[in-house]
Protein backbone atom coordinates (compact mmCIF):
# COMPACT_ATOMS: atom_id res chain seq x y z
CA UNK A 1 -23.57 -10.57 19.08
CA UNK A 2 -25.50 -11.58 15.94
CA UNK A 3 -26.58 -7.96 15.49
CA UNK A 4 -23.00 -6.91 14.69
CA UNK A 5 -22.22 -6.14 11.02
CA UNK A 6 -20.91 -9.21 9.20
CA UNK A 7 -17.77 -8.90 7.07
CA UNK A 8 -16.46 -11.57 4.72
CA UNK A 9 -12.69 -11.67 4.16
CA UNK A 10 -11.98 -13.15 0.71
CA UNK A 11 -8.45 -14.55 0.47
CA UNK A 12 -6.97 -15.81 3.71
CA UNK A 13 -3.25 -15.28 3.29
CA UNK A 14 -1.12 -12.85 5.32
CA UNK A 15 -3.23 -9.81 4.39
CA UNK A 16 -6.49 -11.68 4.89
CA UNK A 17 -5.53 -12.88 8.36
CA UNK A 18 -4.47 -9.37 9.32
CA UNK A 19 -7.77 -7.95 8.05
CA UNK A 20 -9.61 -10.65 10.02
CA UNK A 21 -7.86 -9.75 13.28
CA UNK A 22 -8.32 -5.99 12.92
CA UNK A 23 -11.91 -6.13 11.67
CA UNK A 24 -12.86 -8.43 14.52
CA UNK A 25 -11.18 -6.06 16.99
CA UNK A 26 -13.23 -3.23 15.43
CA UNK A 27 -16.42 -5.03 16.43
CA UNK A 28 -17.44 -6.89 13.27
CA UNK A 29 -18.39 -10.54 12.85
CA UNK A 30 -15.95 -12.15 10.42
CA UNK A 31 -16.44 -15.01 7.97
CA UNK A 32 -13.97 -16.09 5.29
CA UNK A 33 -13.76 -17.34 1.70
CA UNK A 34 -10.69 -19.07 0.27
CA UNK A 35 -10.78 -22.11 -2.04
CA UNK A 36 -7.22 -23.08 -1.15
CA UNK A 37 -7.49 -22.81 2.62
CA UNK A 38 -6.77 -25.97 4.60
CA UNK A 39 -8.27 -26.14 8.04
CA UNK A 40 -10.82 -23.81 9.61
CA UNK A 41 -10.00 -20.19 10.64
CA UNK A 42 -10.57 -19.28 14.27
CA UNK A 43 -11.41 -16.01 15.97
CA UNK A 44 -9.59 -14.27 18.82
CA UNK A 45 -11.19 -16.68 21.29
CA UNK A 46 -10.07 -19.69 19.24
CA UNK A 47 -13.61 -20.41 18.10
CA UNK A 48 -14.17 -21.66 14.51
CA UNK A 49 -15.08 -18.98 11.97
CA UNK A 50 -17.65 -19.65 9.28
CA UNK A 51 -15.80 -20.46 6.07
CA UNK A 52 -16.74 -21.17 2.44
CA UNK A 53 -14.75 -22.07 -0.64
CA UNK A 54 -16.50 -19.58 -2.95
CA UNK A 55 -18.26 -16.22 -2.68
CA UNK A 56 -21.52 -17.68 -3.96
CA UNK A 57 -21.45 -20.42 -1.29
CA UNK A 58 -21.27 -18.08 1.73
CA UNK A 59 -24.70 -18.36 3.41
CA UNK A 60 -26.64 -15.51 4.92
CA UNK A 61 -26.35 -11.75 4.40
CA UNK A 62 -22.92 -10.06 4.29
CA UNK A 63 -22.72 -6.36 5.20
CA UNK A 64 -19.15 -5.83 4.03
CA UNK A 65 -16.58 -7.62 1.86
CA UNK A 66 -12.80 -7.38 2.26
CA UNK A 67 -10.91 -8.55 -0.84
CA UNK A 68 -7.40 -9.75 0.05
CA UNK A 69 -6.79 -11.95 -3.00
CA UNK A 70 -3.83 -11.62 -5.40
CA UNK A 71 -4.02 -8.50 -7.56
CA UNK A 72 -4.57 -10.42 -10.80
CA UNK A 73 -7.94 -11.78 -9.60
CA UNK A 74 -9.28 -8.65 -7.86
CA UNK A 75 -11.72 -7.81 -10.66
CA UNK A 76 -12.87 -11.44 -10.98
CA UNK A 77 -13.68 -11.59 -7.27
CA UNK A 78 -15.32 -8.15 -7.32
CA UNK A 79 -17.52 -9.37 -10.18
CA UNK A 80 -18.54 -12.42 -8.11
CA UNK A 81 -19.39 -10.22 -5.11
CA UNK A 82 -21.46 -7.80 -7.22
CA UNK A 83 -23.26 -10.65 -8.94
CA UNK A 84 -24.30 -11.87 -5.50
CA UNK A 85 -25.12 -8.37 -4.21
CA UNK A 86 -25.30 -5.41 -6.64
CA UNK A 87 -25.27 -3.03 -3.63
CA UNK A 88 -22.26 -4.61 -1.95
CA UNK A 89 -19.88 -2.63 0.27
CA UNK A 90 -16.32 -3.64 -0.65
CA UNK A 91 -12.80 -3.02 0.66
CA UNK A 92 -10.11 -3.90 -1.90
CA UNK A 93 -6.46 -4.33 -1.00
CA UNK A 94 -3.96 -2.30 -3.02
CA UNK A 95 -3.27 -2.14 -5.89
CA UNK A 96 -6.88 -2.12 -7.05
CA UNK A 97 -6.09 -4.18 -10.15
CA UNK A 98 -3.68 -4.57 -13.04
CA UNK A 99 -3.79 -1.87 -15.68
CA UNK A 100 -5.28 -4.25 -18.27
CA UNK A 101 -8.17 -4.84 -15.86
CA UNK A 102 -9.03 -1.14 -15.49
CA UNK A 103 -11.70 -1.09 -18.25
CA UNK A 104 -13.48 -4.07 -16.68
CA UNK A 105 -13.25 -2.58 -13.18
CA UNK A 106 -14.77 0.68 -14.38
CA UNK A 107 -17.49 -1.21 -16.28
CA UNK A 108 -18.36 -3.16 -13.11
CA UNK A 109 -18.62 0.03 -11.08
CA UNK A 110 -20.69 1.77 -13.74
CA UNK A 111 -23.04 -1.22 -14.02
CA UNK A 112 -23.51 -1.34 -10.24
CA UNK A 113 -24.02 2.32 -9.26
CA UNK A 114 -25.32 1.43 -5.79
CA UNK A 115 -22.17 -0.53 -4.88
CA UNK A 116 -19.63 1.20 -2.65
CA UNK A 117 -15.91 0.41 -3.07
CA UNK A 118 -12.86 1.66 -1.17
CA UNK A 119 -9.27 0.73 -2.12
CA UNK A 120 -7.02 0.25 0.90
CA UNK A 121 -3.73 2.05 1.24
CA UNK A 122 -2.76 2.16 4.86
CA UNK A 123 -0.05 4.84 4.65
CA UNK A 124 -2.60 7.44 3.60
CA UNK A 125 -3.81 7.03 7.18
CA UNK A 126 -0.41 7.04 8.93
CA UNK A 127 -0.50 9.64 11.70
CA UNK A 128 3.29 9.34 11.99
CA UNK A 129 3.68 10.97 8.56
CA UNK A 130 1.52 13.92 9.56
CA UNK A 131 3.60 14.30 12.72
CA UNK A 132 6.81 14.14 10.66
CA UNK A 133 5.62 17.08 8.57
CA UNK A 134 4.52 18.87 11.75
CA UNK A 135 8.06 18.40 13.09
CA UNK A 136 9.44 19.93 9.92
CA UNK A 137 7.10 22.93 10.16
CA UNK A 138 7.94 23.41 13.83
CA UNK A 139 11.71 23.55 13.36
CA UNK A 140 12.07 24.96 9.82
CA UNK A 141 8.84 26.91 9.17
CA UNK A 142 10.37 29.32 6.67
CA UNK A 143 12.51 26.86 4.71
CA UNK A 144 11.11 25.28 1.53
CA UNK A 145 11.16 21.51 1.09
CA UNK A 146 13.94 20.60 -1.34
CA UNK A 147 13.65 16.80 -1.40
CA UNK A 148 11.31 13.96 -0.43
CA UNK A 149 12.75 10.44 -0.28
CA UNK A 150 10.96 7.14 0.37
CA UNK A 151 12.48 3.65 0.69
CA UNK A 152 10.32 0.60 1.47
CA UNK A 153 11.98 -2.80 1.20
CA UNK A 154 11.32 -6.33 2.38
CA UNK A 155 13.31 -9.48 1.62
CA UNK A 156 10.67 -11.67 -0.04
CA UNK A 157 13.00 -14.30 -1.51
CA UNK A 158 11.76 -17.11 0.75
CA UNK A 159 8.13 -16.22 0.06
CA UNK A 160 8.68 -16.04 -3.69
CA UNK A 161 10.56 -19.35 -3.73
CA UNK A 162 7.51 -20.87 -2.02
CA UNK A 163 5.23 -19.35 -4.66
CA UNK A 164 3.82 -16.58 -2.45
CA UNK A 165 3.59 -12.84 -3.15
CA UNK A 166 4.78 -13.04 -6.77
CA UNK A 167 3.66 -10.14 -8.96
CA UNK A 168 4.95 -10.94 -12.43
CA UNK A 169 2.92 -8.13 -14.00
CA UNK A 170 4.58 -5.30 -12.04
CA UNK A 171 7.52 -6.90 -10.22
CA UNK A 172 8.79 -4.75 -7.37
CA UNK A 173 6.37 -2.00 -8.39
CA UNK A 174 3.41 -4.15 -7.30
CA UNK A 175 4.56 -4.70 -3.72
CA UNK A 176 5.66 -1.65 -1.75
CA UNK A 177 5.43 0.96 -4.52
CA UNK A 178 1.73 1.79 -3.94
CA UNK A 179 2.62 2.33 -0.27
CA UNK A 180 5.48 4.64 -1.27
CA UNK A 181 3.18 6.59 -3.59
CA UNK A 182 0.80 7.05 -0.66
CA UNK A 183 3.68 8.31 1.50
CA UNK A 184 4.77 10.75 -1.21
CA UNK A 185 1.20 12.00 -1.51
CA UNK A 186 1.21 12.77 2.23
CA UNK A 187 4.54 14.64 2.21
CA UNK A 188 4.19 16.63 -1.03
CA UNK A 189 1.70 19.43 -1.75
CA UNK A 190 -1.35 17.90 -3.51
CA UNK A 191 -0.76 19.65 -6.83
CA UNK A 192 2.94 18.72 -6.80
CA UNK A 193 2.17 15.07 -6.14
CA UNK A 194 -0.54 15.00 -8.81
CA UNK A 195 1.82 16.54 -11.33
CA UNK A 196 4.36 13.81 -10.62
CA UNK A 197 1.89 10.91 -10.59
CA UNK A 198 0.28 11.90 -13.89
CA UNK A 199 3.50 12.71 -15.77
CA UNK A 200 5.71 10.37 -17.83
CA UNK A 201 8.43 8.50 -15.95
CA UNK A 202 11.60 10.59 -15.85
CA UNK A 203 14.36 8.32 -14.54
CA UNK A 204 14.11 4.75 -13.23
CA UNK A 205 16.71 1.99 -12.93
CA UNK A 206 16.12 -1.58 -11.84
CA UNK A 207 17.35 -5.15 -11.64
CA UNK A 208 15.44 -7.69 -13.74
CA UNK A 209 15.09 -11.34 -12.69
CA UNK A 210 14.21 -14.08 -15.21
CA UNK A 211 11.26 -15.27 -13.14
CA UNK A 212 10.33 -12.50 -10.68
CA UNK A 213 10.62 -9.60 -13.17
CA UNK A 214 11.97 -6.36 -11.59
CA UNK A 215 13.23 -7.13 -8.08
CA UNK A 216 14.85 -3.79 -7.19
CA UNK A 217 14.17 -0.31 -8.54
CA UNK A 218 15.07 3.31 -7.90
CA UNK A 219 13.12 6.22 -9.37
CA UNK A 220 14.15 9.88 -9.40
CA UNK A 221 12.16 12.89 -10.52
CA UNK A 222 12.43 16.68 -10.31
CA UNK A 223 9.02 18.10 -9.48
CA UNK A 224 7.42 21.51 -9.34
CA UNK A 225 9.49 24.20 -7.60
CA UNK A 226 12.59 22.03 -8.07
CA UNK A 227 11.65 19.51 -5.34
CA UNK A 228 13.57 16.25 -5.83
CA UNK A 229 11.67 13.00 -5.34
CA UNK A 230 13.40 9.64 -4.91
CA UNK A 231 11.67 6.27 -4.46
CA UNK A 232 13.55 3.03 -3.79
CA UNK A 233 12.38 -0.51 -3.15
CA UNK A 234 13.77 -4.04 -3.20
CA UNK A 235 12.31 -7.49 -2.57
CA UNK A 236 15.70 -9.26 -2.56
CA UNK A 237 17.78 -7.33 -0.04
CA UNK A 238 19.99 -4.45 -1.14
CA UNK A 239 22.05 -5.26 -4.27
CA UNK A 240 25.20 -3.20 -4.94
CA UNK A 241 25.56 -0.60 -7.66
CA UNK A 242 23.35 2.17 -9.00
CA UNK A 243 20.17 0.30 -8.13
CA UNK A 244 21.32 -0.54 -4.61
CA UNK A 245 20.06 1.21 -1.50
CA UNK A 246 20.60 5.00 -1.66
CA UNK A 247 23.25 6.40 0.67
CA UNK A 248 20.67 8.26 2.75
CA UNK A 249 19.12 4.95 3.88
CA UNK A 250 22.33 3.41 5.23
CA UNK A 251 22.22 4.89 8.77
CA UNK A 252 18.91 3.08 9.30
CA UNK A 253 19.01 -0.66 9.97
CA UNK A 254 16.88 -3.40 8.47
CA UNK A 255 14.36 -4.92 10.87
CA UNK A 256 12.34 -8.16 11.01
CA UNK A 257 12.12 -9.93 7.66
CA UNK A 258 14.68 -7.62 6.08
CA UNK A 259 12.18 -4.78 6.25
CA UNK A 260 13.09 -1.11 6.14
CA UNK A 261 10.39 1.54 5.67
CA UNK A 262 11.72 5.07 5.53
CA UNK A 263 10.36 8.47 4.58
CA UNK A 264 12.52 11.58 4.61
CA UNK A 265 11.99 15.29 4.07
CA UNK A 266 14.93 17.62 3.40
CA UNK A 267 14.57 21.33 3.95
CA UNK A 268 17.55 23.65 4.03
CA UNK A 269 20.24 21.99 6.14
CA UNK A 270 17.78 19.85 8.09
CA UNK A 271 16.60 16.26 7.56
CA UNK A 272 13.38 14.81 8.97
CA UNK A 273 13.09 11.02 8.78
CA UNK A 274 10.33 8.60 9.72
CA UNK A 275 11.29 4.99 10.36
CA UNK A 276 8.00 3.11 10.05
CA UNK A 277 7.24 -0.10 11.92
CA UNK A 278 9.07 -2.46 12.27
CA UNK A 279 11.93 -0.30 13.58
CA UNK A 280 15.29 -1.95 14.28
CA UNK A 281 17.29 -1.39 17.47
CA UNK A 282 21.12 -1.46 17.68
CA UNK A 283 21.05 -4.71 19.68
CA UNK A 284 19.25 -6.55 16.87
CA UNK A 285 15.82 -6.23 18.46
CA UNK A 286 13.01 -3.96 17.39
CA UNK A 287 10.70 -1.36 18.86
CA UNK A 288 7.25 -2.61 19.95
CA UNK A 289 4.72 -3.25 17.20
CA UNK A 290 3.18 -0.14 15.60
CA UNK A 291 5.88 2.11 17.09
CA UNK A 292 7.53 4.48 14.63
CA UNK A 293 10.61 6.64 15.19
CA UNK A 294 10.84 10.21 13.91
CA UNK A 295 14.27 11.83 13.74
CA UNK A 296 15.01 15.52 13.16
CA UNK A 297 18.63 16.18 12.20
CA UNK A 298 18.97 19.91 12.78
CA UNK A 299 21.87 22.35 12.60
CA UNK A 300 21.61 22.55 16.41
CA UNK A 301 21.54 18.81 17.06
CA UNK A 302 19.35 15.73 16.76
CA UNK A 303 15.86 15.10 18.16
CA UNK A 304 13.97 11.77 18.28
CA UNK A 305 10.27 11.14 18.83
CA UNK A 306 8.49 7.78 19.15
CA UNK A 307 4.93 7.50 17.80
CA UNK A 308 2.49 4.66 18.47
CA UNK A 309 0.16 4.33 15.49
CA UNK A 310 -1.37 1.52 13.38
CA UNK A 311 -1.88 2.78 9.83
CA UNK A 312 -3.62 -0.47 8.84
CA UNK A 313 -6.08 -0.25 11.73
CA UNK A 314 -6.69 3.44 10.92
CA UNK A 315 -7.31 2.62 7.25
CA UNK A 316 -9.65 -0.30 7.90
CA UNK A 317 -11.74 1.54 10.49
CA UNK A 318 -12.01 4.54 8.16
CA UNK A 319 -13.03 2.30 5.25
CA UNK A 320 -15.67 0.51 7.33
CA UNK A 321 -17.16 3.81 8.52
CA UNK A 322 -17.29 5.21 4.99
CA UNK A 323 -18.73 2.07 3.43
CA UNK A 324 -21.42 1.48 6.03
CA UNK A 325 -22.34 5.17 6.10
CA UNK A 326 -24.39 7.14 3.61
CA UNK A 327 -22.03 9.98 2.69
CA UNK A 328 -20.85 10.06 -0.94
CA UNK A 329 -17.55 8.33 -1.67
CA UNK A 330 -14.77 9.64 -3.88
CA UNK A 331 -14.39 7.67 -7.12
CA UNK A 332 -11.89 4.81 -6.95
CA UNK A 333 -8.44 6.38 -7.46
CA UNK A 334 -6.58 4.42 -10.13
CA UNK A 335 -3.59 6.76 -10.30
CA UNK A 336 -1.32 4.23 -8.49
CA UNK A 337 -2.31 1.52 -10.99
CA UNK A 338 -1.37 3.76 -13.92
CA UNK A 339 1.92 4.73 -12.28
CA UNK A 340 3.18 1.26 -11.42
CA UNK A 341 2.17 0.03 -14.88
CA UNK A 342 4.13 2.86 -16.54
CA UNK A 343 7.17 2.01 -14.41
CA UNK A 344 6.89 -1.71 -15.25
CA UNK A 345 6.64 -0.80 -18.94
CA UNK A 346 10.17 0.65 -18.77
CA UNK A 347 11.42 -2.91 -18.20
CA UNK A 348 9.59 -4.67 -21.02
CA UNK A 349 6.28 -5.52 -19.40
CA UNK A 350 3.14 -3.51 -18.96
CA UNK A 351 3.30 -1.73 -22.33
CA UNK A 352 -0.03 -3.13 -23.45
CA UNK A 353 -1.47 -2.72 -19.98
CA UNK A 354 -0.36 0.89 -19.76
CA UNK A 355 -2.03 1.57 -23.09
CA UNK A 356 -5.22 -0.10 -21.86
CA UNK A 357 -5.27 2.08 -18.79
CA UNK A 358 -4.71 5.31 -20.70
CA UNK A 359 -1.76 7.71 -20.85
CA UNK A 360 -0.64 9.06 -17.49
CA UNK A 361 -0.99 12.66 -18.55
CA UNK A 362 -4.72 12.03 -18.92
CA UNK A 363 -5.08 12.15 -15.15
CA UNK A 364 -6.58 9.84 -12.61
CA UNK A 365 -9.67 7.87 -13.50
């Protein structure tokens, strides 16, 4: 048992506990760091897990670090990890950092060339999205894609009132938006997505809150070959008006916690929609965990497919394999950081941070 790789989860909130459970299930020994944690974490067998209040205080060797802290301290924690181990293997939750932290993040990576870092984004590893596009190719192989739409929302009002999950740098763009960018990158041709992600913001509307910054936003863009892209997210339910939920989302119910995670491809007269876990049922219940529903609305009728798939588990296992292996890694992709900062700048914040990160048309770092 002691021969298993040892992973330290830093930050033991919702994301940290999820990482703990999945990394333990993947066969790693887990320890934790969190200065604010009360009590002692336990493993799947209810046994106490080794815990420290600071990275420097964790005894013994650590093979892998999983950073699940708030975005604004990602680079601080990464610096602590690399000070302890210049060759550290690190998983960072999305987004990698704030735009004003990009220069420091890049300096840390340049100063520690033997470190290996992967930024998590689970929907890049969602098999359900690949199957959605396969469904589209199967039924409409000769029809071009005319629109891609993504809507990820969760009612976070109770969490925010309790002081949890508040991103005052990016507002709504710091929560689900990186996930939606990952979805768009899976459903659009690579060059089309890159052209969108590295271009100036075309059209975005949002609702601004005095304390929580932007709480709801809707972005539209016309991409290469005339493909229309629409992204929508809210952390306060669906407000009415132009920034409310788009009409195309209304046939699909909210599920547990006010969550609704949709991706849709339009081609010709057909619509292909993925409802990502948790998926609501008409009786108020939900499909089993990690079950996604794909719907093809065709001129000849409607077809539904259920897919069992855990994007988070896929992403973590892939990250662990890459970090503990010897194959070269791609550079850390900071395109999502640039994009959400540029969107936040449209609402009065992020202007300085966007400038620090560099103009979007300069491409991904």
